C-alpha atoms as a PDB file:
ATOM      1  CA  MET A   1      55.212   6.200  24.047  1.00  0.00           C
ATOM      2  CA  LYS A   2      53.481   8.801  21.551  1.00  0.00           C
ATOM      3  CA  ASN A   3      53.066   6.002  18.948  1.00  0.00           C
ATOM      4  CA  ARG A   4      51.251   3.714  21.595  1.00  0.00           C
ATOM      5  CA  TYR A   5      48.679   6.357  22.411  1.00  0.00           C
ATOM      6  CA  LEU A   6      48.037   6.944  18.552  1.00  0.00           C
ATOM      7  CA  VAL A   7      47.633   3.210  17.886  1.00  0.00           C
ATOM      8  CA  LEU A   8      45.493   2.918  21.039  1.00  0.00           C
ATOM      9  CA  LEU A   9      43.417   5.897  19.945  1.00  0.00           C
ATOM     10  CA  PHE A  10      43.227   4.334  16.564  1.00  0.00           C
ATOM     11  CA  LEU A  11      41.835   1.046  17.667  1.00  0.00           C
ATOM     12  CA  VAL A  12      39.315   2.783  19.781  1.00  0.00           C
ATOM     13  CA  LEU A  13      38.108   4.790  17.060  1.00  0.00           C
ATOM     14  CA  ILE A  14      37.700   1.664  14.785  1.00  0.00           C
ATOM     15  CA  PHE A  15      35.680  -0.144  17.670  1.00  0.00           C
ATOM     16  CA  PHE A  16      33.295   2.924  18.011  1.00  0.00           C
ATOM     17  CA  SER A  17      32.663   3.178  14.331  1.00  0.00           C
ATOM     18  CA  SER A  18      31.969  -0.612  14.059  1.00  0.00           C
ATOM     19  CA  LEU A  19      29.202  -0.119  16.867  1.00  0.00           C
ATOM     20  CA  VAL A  20      27.653   2.774  15.232  1.00  0.00           C
ATOM     21  CA  LYS A  21      27.320   0.801  11.965  1.00  0.00           C
ATOM     22  CA  ALA A  22      26.040  -2.261  13.661  1.00  0.00           C
ATOM     23  CA  LYS A  23      23.524  -0.255  15.610  1.00  0.00           C
ATOM     24  CA  SER A  24      22.180   1.478  12.483  1.00  0.00           C
ATOM     25  CA  ASN A  25      21.783  -1.683  10.674  1.00  0.00           C
ATOM     26  CA  TYR A  26      20.152  -3.572  13.646  1.00  0.00           C
ATOM     27  CA  LYS A  27      17.292  -0.730  14.010  1.00  0.00           C
ATOM     28  CA  HIS A  28      15.989  -1.216  10.367  1.00  0.00           C
ATOM     29  CA  TYR A  29      12.274  -1.245  10.066  1.00  0.00           C
ATOM     30  CA  GLN A  30       9.738  -1.182   7.387  1.00  0.00           C
ATOM     31  CA  ASP A  31       6.017  -0.569   7.637  1.00  0.00           C
ATOM     32  CA  PRO A  32       3.627  -3.093   6.135  1.00  0.00           C
ATOM     33  CA  LYS A  33       2.164  -2.243   2.952  1.00  0.00           C
ATOM     34  CA  PHE A  34      -1.082  -2.972   0.716  1.00  0.00           C
ATOM     35  CA  PRO A  35      -0.484  -4.461  -2.315  1.00  0.00           C
ATOM     36  CA  GLY A  36       0.139  -1.310  -4.439  1.00  0.00           C
ATOM     37  CA  GLY A  37       0.558   0.934  -1.730  1.00  0.00           C
ATOM     38  CA  CYS A  38      -1.887   3.704  -0.011  1.00  0.00           C
ATOM     39  CA  ASP A  39      -3.546   4.753  -3.078  1.00  0.00           C
ATOM     40  CA  LYS A  40      -4.718   1.244  -3.907  1.00  0.00           C
ATOM     41  CA  LEU A  41      -6.003   0.685  -0.373  1.00  0.00           C
ATOM     42  CA  ILE A  42      -8.029   3.691  -0.558  1.00  0.00           C
ATOM     43  CA  GLU A  43      -9.197   2.571  -4.095  1.00  0.00           C
ATOM     44  CA  TYR A  44     -10.144  -0.826  -2.673  1.00  0.00           C
ATOM     45  CA  ILE A  45     -12.012   0.491   0.220  1.00  0.00           C
ATOM     46  CA  ALA A  46     -14.035   2.912  -2.103  1.00  0.00           C
ATOM     47  CA  LYS A  47     -14.644   0.180  -4.606  1.00  0.00           C
ATOM     48  CA  ASN A  48     -15.917  -2.606  -2.085  1.00  0.00           C
ATOM     49  CA  MET A  49     -17.563  -0.420   0.571  1.00  0.00           C
ATOM     50  CA  HIS A  50     -21.455  -0.348   0.623  1.00  0.00           C
ATOM     51  CA  TYR A  51     -23.152   2.270   2.834  1.00  0.00           C
ATOM     52  CA  PRO A  52     -25.339   0.107   5.345  1.00  0.00           C
ATOM     53  CA  ASP A  53     -28.918   0.956   4.673  1.00  0.00           C
ATOM     54  CA  MET A  54     -29.661   1.234   8.536  1.00  0.00           C
ATOM     55  CA  ALA A  55     -26.931   3.942   8.546  1.00  0.00           C
ATOM     56  CA  ARG A  56     -28.132   5.745   5.534  1.00  0.00           C
ATOM     57  CA  GLU A  57     -31.659   6.008   6.890  1.00  0.00           C
ATOM     58  CA  ALA A  58     -30.488   7.289  10.444  1.00  0.00           C
ATOM     59  CA  ALA A  59     -28.135   9.576   8.795  1.00  0.00           C
ATOM     60  CA  ILE A  60     -25.200   8.078  10.609  1.00  0.00           C
ATOM     61  CA  GLN A  61     -21.855   9.470   9.334  1.00  0.00           C
ATOM     62  CA  GLY A  62     -18.303   9.489  10.653  1.00  0.00           C
ATOM     63  CA  HIS A  63     -15.123   7.916  11.187  1.00  0.00           C
ATOM     64  CA  VAL A  64     -14.808   4.169  11.965  1.00  0.00           C
ATOM     65  CA  ILE A  65     -11.245   3.100  13.100  1.00  0.00           C
ATOM     66  CA  ALA A  66     -10.434  -0.805  12.976  1.00  0.00           C
ATOM     67  CA  ARG A  67      -7.094  -2.179  14.448  1.00  0.00           C
ATOM     68  CA  PHE A  68      -5.885  -5.466  12.980  1.00  0.00           C
ATOM     69  CA  LEU A  69      -2.679  -7.628  12.965  1.00  0.00           C
ATOM     70  CA  ILE A  70      -0.844  -8.272   9.947  1.00  0.00           C
ATOM     71  CA  ASP A  71       1.320 -11.400  10.430  1.00  0.00           C
ATOM     72  CA  GLU A  72       4.620 -12.538   8.961  1.00  0.00           C
ATOM     73  CA  LYS A  73       3.102 -13.923   5.950  1.00  0.00           C
ATOM     74  CA  GLY A  74       0.915 -10.792   5.351  1.00  0.00           C
ATOM     75  CA  GLU A  75      -2.130 -12.207   6.248  1.00  0.00           C
ATOM     76  CA  ILE A  76      -4.894 -10.114   8.311  1.00  0.00           C
ATOM     77  CA  ARG A  77      -5.969 -11.204  11.818  1.00  0.00           C
ATOM     78  CA  ASN A  78      -7.810 -10.196  14.762  1.00  0.00           C
ATOM     79  CA  ILE A  79      -9.842  -7.271  13.352  1.00  0.00           C
ATOM     80  CA  HIS A  80     -11.106  -5.168  16.236  1.00  0.00           C
ATOM     81  CA  ILE A  81     -13.300  -2.120  16.091  1.00  0.00           C
ATOM     82  CA  ILE A  82     -11.676   0.708  18.187  1.00  0.00           C
ATOM     83  CA  ARG A  83     -13.923   3.511  17.200  1.00  0.00           C
ATOM     84  CA  SER A  84     -17.562   2.772  16.222  1.00  0.00           C
ATOM     85  CA  ILE A  85     -20.451   4.785  14.810  1.00  0.00           C
ATOM     86  CA  GLY A  86     -23.040   1.852  14.730  1.00  0.00           C
ATOM     87  CA  GLY A  87     -25.735   1.612  12.133  1.00  0.00           C
ATOM     88  CA  GLY A  88     -23.859  -1.411  10.747  1.00  0.00           C
ATOM     89  CA  CYS A  89     -20.961   0.595   9.672  1.00  0.00           C
ATOM     90  CA  ASP A  90     -18.655  -1.521  12.004  1.00  0.00           C
ATOM     91  CA  GLN A  91     -19.562  -4.642  10.405  1.00  0.00           C
ATOM     92  CA  GLU A  92     -19.006  -3.227   6.918  1.00  0.00           C
ATOM     93  CA  VAL A  93     -15.551  -2.333   7.846  1.00  0.00           C
ATOM     94  CA  ILE A  94     -14.842  -5.670   9.286  1.00  0.00           C
ATOM     95  CA  ARG A  95     -16.274  -7.418   6.042  1.00  0.00           C
ATOM     96  CA  ILE A  96     -14.099  -5.088   3.918  1.00  0.00           C
ATOM     97  CA  ILE A  97     -10.852  -5.941   5.939  1.00  0.00           C
ATOM     98  CA  SER A  98     -11.564  -9.532   6.033  1.00  0.00           C
ATOM     99  CA  ASN A  99     -11.610  -9.864   2.318  1.00  0.00           C
ATOM    100  CA  MET A 100      -8.595  -7.806   1.558  1.00  0.00           C
ATOM    101  CA  PRO A 101      -5.635  -9.491  -0.117  1.00  0.00           C
ATOM    102  CA  LYS A 102      -2.561 -10.220   1.563  1.00  0.00           C
ATOM    103  CA  TRP A 103      -0.399  -7.525   2.559  1.00  0.00           C
ATOM    104  CA  LYS A 104       3.389  -7.185   2.435  1.00  0.00           C
ATOM    105  CA  PRO A 105       4.282  -7.656   6.017  1.00  0.00           C
ATOM    106  CA  ALA A 106       6.304  -5.259   8.283  1.00  0.00           C
ATOM    107  CA  TYR A 107      10.191  -6.061   8.386  1.00  0.00           C
ATOM    108  CA  TYR A 108      12.434  -5.489  11.129  1.00  0.00           C
ATOM    109  CA  ASN A 109      16.282  -6.157  10.791  1.00  0.00           C
ATOM    110  CA  HIS A 110      15.448  -7.427   7.314  1.00  0.00           C
ATOM    111  CA  ARG A 111      12.842 -10.234   8.622  1.00  0.00           C
ATOM    112  CA  PRO A 112       9.083 -10.292   8.315  1.00  0.00           C
ATOM    113  CA  VAL A 113       7.446  -9.543  11.733  1.00  0.00           C
ATOM    114  CA  ARG A 114       3.906  -9.076  13.037  1.00  0.00           C
ATOM    115  CA  SER A 115       2.708  -5.660  13.081  1.00  0.00           C
ATOM    116  CA  ILE A 116      -0.702  -3.894  14.309  1.00  0.00           C
ATOM    117  CA  TYR A 117      -2.243  -1.520  11.761  1.00  0.00           C
ATOM    118  CA  ASP A 118      -4.938   1.137  12.510  1.00  0.00           C
ATOM    119  CA  LEU A 119      -7.393   1.854   9.625  1.00  0.00           C
ATOM    120  CA  PRO A 120      -9.704   4.644   9.491  1.00  0.00           C
ATOM    121  CA  VAL A 121     -12.868   4.405   7.199  1.00  0.00           C
ATOM    122  CA  ILE A 122     -14.954   7.566   6.548  1.00  0.00           C
ATOM    123  CA  PHE A 123     -18.711   7.033   6.095  1.00  0.00           C
ATOM    124  CA  LYS A 124     -20.332  10.277   4.722  1.00  0.00           C
ATOM    125  CA  ILE A 125     -23.688  10.648   2.967  1.00  0.00           C
ATOM    126  CA  GLU A 126     -23.456  12.378  -0.325  1.00  0.00           C
END
């Protein structure tokens, strides 16, 4: 009788340990990545950004925040400005994002998936 309980306890432990292992593998997620990482993204923006004349003349400064979709192939789609400062800055951010190279897409459970990315861009007059 005692052996039967030990065997049953052993089987229950094996069952629960397999559930924990399967559950931890299932929830594997990786964020999308710009080619070369975050430092290269900042470098790309700095190199390609042109301060709009209208914004410079009006001394407009601040953060523009863009939201866009990165699809399963790493292509950028549906660019929207969610924080605007005007003066042509919003259009400049859209232009920069539209010309970006493909990203490495997000991965969920080891498969590429769509993801939404928020990108803040700072406009500051030197």
